[in-house]
Each structure stands twice: as structure tokens, then as C-alpha cells.
């Protein structure tokens, strides 16, 4: 169990890289193997004793509140921090939520990443160091794809190199951190600002050792793009079984292979779905065939987007 009980889950982002899926739901509300990402995150936090949660809201907030509610069915208490008219960023969001969180030290968890990092060990490392922020890190094995985090010999963060050769030998931030309210309190409420690339860079420059890394061997699963989403869904499907959402009706003559079906979907007779993502409310016409496609409902039409692995 973690020694900290409060967390802010960052769920306000636009999820532009996951378009067109995020036209239908906020990214954290998208299902992985039948369960919305945000519910998986909340269940994981609650299992580790982190039960006082705040979610920040901006893009498609209705899709998040609909699947989370007050969190009681997941053994957590969930409250919401609204960000309107603009999304406030990875530092402005925490600043906005401080009063609701009501804690001096808390976890910040990205709402679009699944991981098994040890929250107890991360909290212990933070408490022992006296840092304002402690980032959970793993070796950056894909520096051409992910920007990195650089550490000195003592574990203090010294910089955030962009992806590419500059990130060789760096670490990858897995989307979980422990932060002190002091790191954000001086920020102007309601002003958009990010942590990495702004607030944390300033802390590194002005308060040596205030931002630190906790290096571990945790797994993480990314949902950054539709291709990432497919791979993560594959990883969570037990034995490769098909897992569908709620109120999904599939005609017995339809053929479905390696596809993701969200909620309130009808799959017509003699239709074929091959490596597809079918979003909420879509009616797949009888006799139709879709391969490597994303299907969205638009009024009485089905919009089709290509999908590459």
C-alpha cells in the first residue's frame, strides 16, 4: 500500500494524436479490453491505498464523468477540477486543483498511460530525498520516438532532451510522479502552463535537486496513437479473446477478427470487420467489409478512417 492517499489524474487533454477516436470520447474514457482506461487507473490507485482522487476536465468531460461518477464502485472518492474555457496544461492543471486535492504531497498520474510502477517505492523515494517532484522513470529504449529525462549521478533531473539523438542514454517518464504542492502554488491560477518544458525546467535551474528521478523496471503501455491503442488492447486481451463493450449486437453470420468494439453497436449480417476500431453507436451495414479501419457514427452515416498498425 502507498503511504500517500491523494492523487490528481490528468484527464483534460485534447488527445489530438489519437484523432479521430477522441472526437467520440476523451482519451482516458476510451476502453482497453472492454474497460475504460480511467477506470483501470482508478482501480489500480485504489488497490494501492490511493483513494482520494481528483480528475481535471476539459475535453469531452461527459464521457469521463459517465464512466467514473463519484468513484465509489471502484473504492475511491473522485472529485473534479474543471478547466474552462482553456485546458490549463500539466502544471496549470495541478495549480487549479490544489484546493480540491487538499494535500501537501500527492501523486500526479497521466490519464492516458497504464503502468505497474510501485507507488509505495516511488513515494518512499520522494520522501527520502526532500525533492519537490519525483518522476517515475525507466530506461528510454526508443529515443527516436520519445523525448527523455537526464539525471546526474545523484538522481537529480538535469534536463529534458527532445526525442532523437539528444535523448540517447536518457530515461523515459512513465506518466506517474509524486509532487509537493509547493511546486505549483506560486503559479497564477487559471493560466495555462506545462510542467516539463516550463515549470520543472525553472525549478531545475533555480533549485538544484528539487526535481528528481526514481528509476525502476516498471512496464508501461502507451495509448498515444491509434496504432498504440491497438497494441495496448492486444496486450490486455486475455488469451487474445475478443472483448466487446456494452450493448453490442453481432449477427451470427458476421465475421470479426482482431477488432475493438465500443458501446451500443450493431454488426449486420454477413459483414466483416478485420483489425478495426468501431466506436460508440455505429451500425455496421449488412454485407459490408472493413479492414484496418476506424468507424465513427455521424448522424445516420458511418464515417470511415484508415488505420495502420
Protein backbone atom coordinates (compact mmCIF):
# COMPACT_ATOMS: atom_id res chain seq x y z
CA UNK A 1 0.00 0.00 0.00
CA UNK A 2 1.17 3.56 -0.72
CA UNK A 3 1.81 5.94 2.17
CA UNK A 4 0.14 8.71 0.14
CA UNK A 5 -3.61 8.71 -0.36
CA UNK A 6 -4.22 11.63 -2.74
CA UNK A 7 -3.76 11.82 -6.50
CA UNK A 8 -4.56 14.10 -9.39
CA UNK A 9 -5.26 12.19 -12.60
CA UNK A 10 -4.64 14.34 -15.67
CA UNK A 11 -7.64 13.78 -17.95
CA UNK A 12 -8.22 17.21 -19.51
CA UNK A 13 -6.08 16.88 -22.65
CA UNK A 14 -7.40 17.04 -26.20
CA UNK A 15 -5.80 13.76 -27.32
CA UNK A 16 -5.07 15.11 -30.79
CA UNK A 17 -2.69 12.28 -31.73
CA UNK A 18 -5.50 9.79 -31.11
CA UNK A 19 -7.88 11.55 -33.52
CA UNK A 20 -10.48 10.57 -34.73
CA UNK A 21 -11.16 8.41 -31.66
CA UNK A 22 -11.09 11.43 -29.36
CA UNK A 23 -13.91 13.02 -31.32
CA UNK A 24 -16.10 10.42 -29.61
CA UNK A 25 -14.57 10.15 -26.13
CA UNK A 26 -11.91 11.83 -24.05
CA UNK A 27 -8.78 9.70 -24.34
CA UNK A 28 -8.90 8.35 -20.76
CA UNK A 29 -12.50 7.22 -21.32
CA UNK A 30 -11.53 5.02 -24.26
CA UNK A 31 -11.86 1.30 -23.42
CA UNK A 32 -8.93 -1.10 -23.27
CA UNK A 33 -10.15 -4.71 -23.40
CA UNK A 34 -13.64 -3.51 -22.54
CA UNK A 35 -12.72 -1.29 -19.58
CA UNK A 36 -12.15 2.48 -19.90
CA UNK A 37 -8.54 3.47 -19.29
CA UNK A 38 -9.54 5.83 -16.48
CA UNK A 39 -11.36 3.06 -14.61
CA UNK A 40 -8.27 0.86 -14.87
CA UNK A 41 -6.15 3.68 -13.46
CA UNK A 42 -8.56 4.41 -10.60
CA UNK A 43 -8.81 0.71 -9.69
CA UNK A 44 -5.00 0.45 -9.65
CA UNK A 45 -4.67 3.53 -7.44
CA UNK A 46 -7.36 2.33 -5.03
CA UNK A 47 -5.74 -1.11 -4.79
CA UNK A 48 -2.62 0.72 -3.61
CA UNK A 49 -4.44 2.79 -1.00
CA UNK A 50 -4.67 5.96 -3.10
CA UNK A 51 -8.37 6.68 -2.75
CA UNK A 52 -8.73 10.48 -2.62
CA UNK A 53 -8.73 11.40 -6.29
CA UNK A 54 -9.27 14.48 -8.44
CA UNK A 55 -9.73 14.36 -12.20
CA UNK A 56 -9.31 17.53 -14.24
CA UNK A 57 -11.85 18.02 -17.02
CA UNK A 58 -11.88 19.90 -20.31
CA UNK A 59 -12.31 17.85 -23.49
CA UNK A 60 -15.46 15.66 -23.69
CA UNK A 61 -15.95 15.78 -19.90
CA UNK A 62 -19.29 13.99 -20.18
CA UNK A 63 -17.57 10.82 -21.37
CA UNK A 64 -15.37 10.77 -18.27
CA UNK A 65 -18.00 11.55 -15.65
CA UNK A 66 -20.29 8.94 -17.24
CA UNK A 67 -17.84 6.09 -16.65
CA UNK A 68 -16.38 7.28 -13.32
CA UNK A 69 -19.13 9.05 -11.40
CA UNK A 70 -18.07 9.55 -7.79
CA UNK A 71 -15.69 6.57 -7.93
CA UNK A 72 -17.47 4.69 -5.14
CA UNK A 73 -17.86 1.49 -7.17
CA UNK A 74 -14.06 1.48 -7.51
CA UNK A 75 -13.49 2.04 -3.77
CA UNK A 76 -12.35 5.63 -4.29
CA UNK A 77 -13.68 9.15 -3.80
CA UNK A 78 -13.48 11.10 -7.05
CA UNK A 79 -13.95 14.84 -7.39
CA UNK A 80 -13.50 17.04 -10.44
CA UNK A 81 -11.49 20.13 -11.29
CA UNK A 82 -12.98 21.99 -14.25
CA UNK A 83 -10.76 23.73 -16.77
CA UNK A 84 -12.75 26.11 -18.94
CA UNK A 85 -12.53 27.78 -21.36
CA UNK A 86 -8.96 26.55 -21.93
CA UNK A 87 -7.09 23.42 -20.92
CA UNK A 88 -4.52 24.51 -18.34
CA UNK A 89 -1.64 22.13 -19.06
CA UNK A 90 0.37 19.71 -16.98
CA UNK A 91 1.32 22.38 -14.40
CA UNK A 92 -1.65 24.74 -14.67
CA UNK A 93 -3.96 21.77 -14.09
CA UNK A 94 -2.34 20.84 -10.75
CA UNK A 95 -2.36 24.52 -9.70
CA UNK A 96 -6.08 24.72 -10.38
CA UNK A 97 -6.75 21.52 -8.43
CA UNK A 98 -4.72 22.27 -5.27
CA UNK A 99 -7.67 23.44 -3.18
CA UNK A 100 -9.75 20.40 -4.14
CA UNK A 101 -6.88 17.99 -3.51
CA UNK A 102 -6.33 19.37 -0.02
CA UNK A 103 -2.94 17.66 0.36
CA UNK A 104 0.61 18.95 0.51
CA UNK A 105 2.03 15.88 -1.26
CA UNK A 106 0.22 13.81 -3.86
CA UNK A 107 0.61 11.62 -6.91
CA UNK A 108 0.09 13.04 -10.39
CA UNK A 109 -0.88 10.36 -12.89
CA UNK A 110 -1.27 10.76 -16.62
CA UNK A 111 -4.75 9.67 -17.61
CA UNK A 112 -3.66 8.02 -20.84
CA UNK A 113 -0.89 5.67 -19.68
CA UNK A 114 -1.14 2.31 -17.96
CA UNK A 115 1.76 1.15 -15.81
CA UNK A 116 2.63 -1.12 -12.90
CA UNK A 117 5.17 1.16 -11.19
CA UNK A 118 5.39 0.62 -7.42
CA UNK A 119 3.61 3.56 -5.83
CA UNK A 120 4.98 2.71 -2.39
CA UNK A 121 8.57 2.73 -3.64
CA UNK A 122 8.03 5.95 -5.59
CA UNK A 123 6.51 7.68 -2.55
CA UNK A 124 9.33 6.44 -0.34
CA UNK A 125 11.98 7.74 -2.75
CA UNK A 126 10.27 11.12 -2.83
CA UNK A 127 10.01 11.33 0.95
CA UNK A 128 13.65 10.40 1.46
CA UNK A 129 15.07 12.94 -1.00
CA UNK A 130 13.34 16.15 0.08
CA UNK A 131 12.58 16.93 -3.59
CA UNK A 132 9.56 18.88 -4.75
CA UNK A 133 8.91 16.47 -7.62
CA UNK A 134 9.92 12.84 -8.21
CA UNK A 135 9.32 11.32 -11.64
CA UNK A 136 8.97 7.57 -12.20
CA UNK A 137 11.45 6.63 -14.94
CA UNK A 138 12.55 3.64 -16.97
CA UNK A 139 15.43 3.44 -19.47
CA UNK A 140 14.49 5.18 -22.72
CA UNK A 141 14.80 2.35 -25.24
CA UNK A 142 13.11 4.33 -28.04
CA UNK A 143 14.86 7.73 -28.04
CA UNK A 144 13.89 8.32 -31.66
CA UNK A 145 10.26 8.22 -30.59
CA UNK A 146 10.26 9.57 -27.04
CA UNK A 147 11.91 12.59 -25.52
CA UNK A 148 13.89 11.79 -22.42
CA UNK A 149 14.85 12.75 -18.89
CA UNK A 150 18.51 13.25 -17.97
CA UNK A 151 19.82 12.55 -14.47
CA UNK A 152 23.05 13.34 -12.70
CA UNK A 153 24.95 10.74 -10.66
CA UNK A 154 22.85 11.57 -7.60
CA UNK A 155 19.48 11.08 -9.34
CA UNK A 156 18.60 14.75 -9.77
CA UNK A 157 16.97 15.71 -13.08
CA UNK A 158 19.24 17.94 -15.17
CA UNK A 159 17.21 18.28 -18.35
CA UNK A 160 14.56 17.02 -20.74
CA UNK A 161 16.14 16.30 -24.15
CA UNK A 162 13.90 16.15 -27.19
CA UNK A 163 13.47 12.87 -28.99
CA UNK A 164 16.27 11.94 -31.34
CA UNK A 165 19.98 11.59 -30.76
CA UNK A 166 19.84 14.06 -27.87
CA UNK A 167 17.72 11.53 -25.94
CA UNK A 168 20.20 8.64 -26.34
CA UNK A 169 21.06 7.21 -22.93
CA UNK A 170 18.24 9.09 -21.22
CA UNK A 171 15.25 7.86 -19.23
CA UNK A 172 11.59 7.69 -20.16
CA UNK A 173 8.92 9.21 -17.89
CA UNK A 174 6.13 6.66 -17.47
CA UNK A 175 3.44 9.17 -16.50
CA UNK A 176 3.45 8.80 -12.71
CA UNK A 177 5.07 11.25 -10.29
CA UNK A 178 4.92 12.48 -6.72
CA UNK A 179 4.72 16.24 -6.29
CA UNK A 180 4.61 18.75 -3.48
CA UNK A 181 2.01 21.50 -3.68
CA UNK A 182 4.86 23.99 -3.31
CA UNK A 183 5.97 23.18 -6.86
CA UNK A 184 2.78 24.76 -8.22
CA UNK A 185 1.49 27.19 -5.57
CA UNK A 186 3.29 30.26 -6.94
CA UNK A 187 1.69 29.83 -10.39
CA UNK A 188 -1.15 32.11 -11.41
CA UNK A 189 -4.46 30.21 -11.16
CA UNK A 190 -6.26 29.73 -14.45
CA UNK A 191 -3.14 30.29 -16.57
CA UNK A 192 -2.13 27.51 -19.00
CA UNK A 193 1.40 26.26 -18.34
CA UNK A 194 3.22 22.92 -18.60
CA UNK A 195 5.50 21.15 -16.15
CA UNK A 196 8.15 19.60 -18.39
CA UNK A 197 9.40 22.34 -20.69
CA UNK A 198 8.47 25.14 -18.31
CA UNK A 199 7.87 24.88 -14.55
CA UNK A 200 10.16 21.91 -13.93
CA UNK A 201 12.90 23.43 -16.09
CA UNK A 202 12.74 26.57 -13.97
CA UNK A 203 12.92 24.53 -10.76
CA UNK A 204 15.98 22.66 -12.09
CA UNK A 205 17.69 25.95 -12.89
CA UNK A 206 16.88 27.71 -9.63
CA UNK A 207 16.65 24.93 -7.01
CA UNK A 208 19.19 22.20 -7.63
CA UNK A 209 17.86 18.74 -6.74
CA UNK A 210 14.24 19.84 -6.46
CA UNK A 211 13.20 17.60 -9.37
CA UNK A 212 14.44 14.03 -9.11
CA UNK A 213 14.02 10.71 -10.88
CA UNK A 214 13.04 7.33 -9.48
CA UNK A 215 14.49 4.75 -11.85
CA UNK A 216 12.72 1.40 -11.93
CA UNK A 217 11.87 -1.50 -14.23
CA UNK A 218 8.13 -0.86 -14.44
CA UNK A 219 6.13 -1.77 -17.51
CA UNK A 220 4.04 0.83 -19.27
CA UNK A 221 1.54 0.76 -22.07
CA UNK A 222 1.05 3.78 -24.29
CA UNK A 223 -2.22 4.89 -25.88
CA UNK A 224 -0.80 7.84 -27.78
CA UNK A 225 -1.91 6.95 -31.30
CA UNK A 226 -4.50 4.58 -32.81
CA UNK A 227 -1.67 2.12 -33.55
CA UNK A 228 -0.51 2.30 -29.92
CA UNK A 229 -4.09 1.78 -28.82
CA UNK A 230 -4.39 -1.40 -30.85
CA UNK A 231 -1.16 -2.79 -29.41
CA UNK A 232 -2.15 -1.94 -25.84
CA UNK A 233 -5.57 -3.51 -26.31
CA UNK A 234 -3.93 -6.65 -27.67
CA UNK A 235 -1.71 -6.81 -24.57
CA UNK A 236 -4.71 -6.67 -22.23
CA UNK A 237 -6.91 -9.19 -24.02
CA UNK A 238 -6.60 -12.41 -22.06
CA UNK A 239 -5.60 -15.18 -24.44
CA UNK A 240 -6.37 -12.97 -27.42
CA UNK A 241 -10.12 -13.26 -26.81
CA UNK A 242 -12.45 -10.71 -28.39
CA UNK A 243 -13.73 -8.25 -25.75
CA UNK A 244 -16.66 -6.02 -26.68
CA UNK A 245 -18.33 -3.10 -24.95
CA UNK A 246 -21.86 -2.77 -23.63
CA UNK A 247 -24.96 -3.31 -25.77
CA UNK A 248 -23.07 -4.80 -28.69
CA UNK A 249 -25.18 -6.90 -31.01
CA UNK A 250 -23.38 -9.07 -33.57
CA UNK A 251 -25.28 -11.05 -36.18
CA UNK A 252 -24.26 -14.72 -36.08
CA UNK A 253 -23.16 -14.55 -39.72
CA UNK A 254 -20.82 -11.59 -39.18
CA UNK A 255 -17.07 -12.17 -39.04
CA UNK A 256 -14.93 -10.20 -36.57
CA UNK A 257 -11.15 -10.54 -36.26
CA UNK A 258 -8.78 -8.57 -34.02
CA UNK A 259 -11.21 -5.68 -33.74
CA UNK A 260 -12.28 -3.36 -30.92
CA UNK A 261 -15.99 -2.67 -30.48
CA UNK A 262 -17.04 0.10 -28.08
CA UNK A 263 -20.65 0.54 -26.84
CA UNK A 264 -24.10 0.49 -28.47
CA UNK A 265 -23.01 -1.15 -31.71
CA UNK A 266 -24.94 -3.28 -34.23
CA UNK A 267 -22.97 -5.50 -36.59
CA UNK A 268 -25.13 -6.55 -39.53
CA UNK A 269 -25.48 -9.91 -41.21
CA UNK A 270 -22.64 -11.22 -43.41
CA UNK A 271 -20.45 -8.23 -42.55
CA UNK A 272 -16.71 -8.41 -41.92
CA UNK A 273 -14.56 -6.42 -39.51
CA UNK A 274 -10.85 -7.15 -39.80
CA UNK A 275 -8.50 -5.23 -37.47
CA UNK A 276 -10.97 -2.39 -36.98
CA UNK A 277 -11.96 0.04 -34.21
CA UNK A 278 -15.72 0.58 -34.09
CA UNK A 279 -16.74 3.50 -31.87
CA UNK A 280 -19.93 4.20 -29.93
CA UNK A 281 -23.28 3.98 -31.68
CA UNK A 282 -22.08 2.67 -35.05
CA UNK A 283 -24.36 0.41 -37.11
CA UNK A 284 -22.22 -1.76 -39.37
CA UNK A 285 -24.29 -2.35 -42.53
CA UNK A 286 -25.19 -5.90 -43.51
CA UNK A 287 -22.85 -7.31 -46.13
CA UNK A 288 -20.18 -4.64 -45.61
CA UNK A 289 -16.46 -5.30 -45.27
CA UNK A 290 -13.99 -3.10 -43.39
CA UNK A 291 -10.30 -3.82 -42.98
CA UNK A 292 -7.87 -1.77 -40.90
CA UNK A 293 -10.44 0.97 -40.41
CA UNK A 294 -11.85 3.25 -37.73
CA UNK A 295 -15.63 3.60 -37.86
CA UNK A 296 -17.42 6.64 -36.39
CA UNK A 297 -21.11 7.47 -36.30
CA UNK A 298 -22.13 10.79 -37.84
CA UNK A 299 -25.90 11.30 -37.82
CA UNK A 300 -27.14 8.33 -39.88
CA UNK A 301 -23.83 7.76 -41.64
CA UNK A 302 -20.73 5.76 -40.87
CA UNK A 303 -17.50 7.69 -41.29
CA UNK A 304 -14.52 5.52 -42.18
CA UNK A 305 -10.89 6.36 -41.49
CA UNK A 306 -7.88 4.27 -42.45
CA UNK A 307 -5.92 2.56 -39.70
CA UNK A 308 -2.32 1.42 -39.87
CA UNK A 309 -0.51 -0.76 -37.34
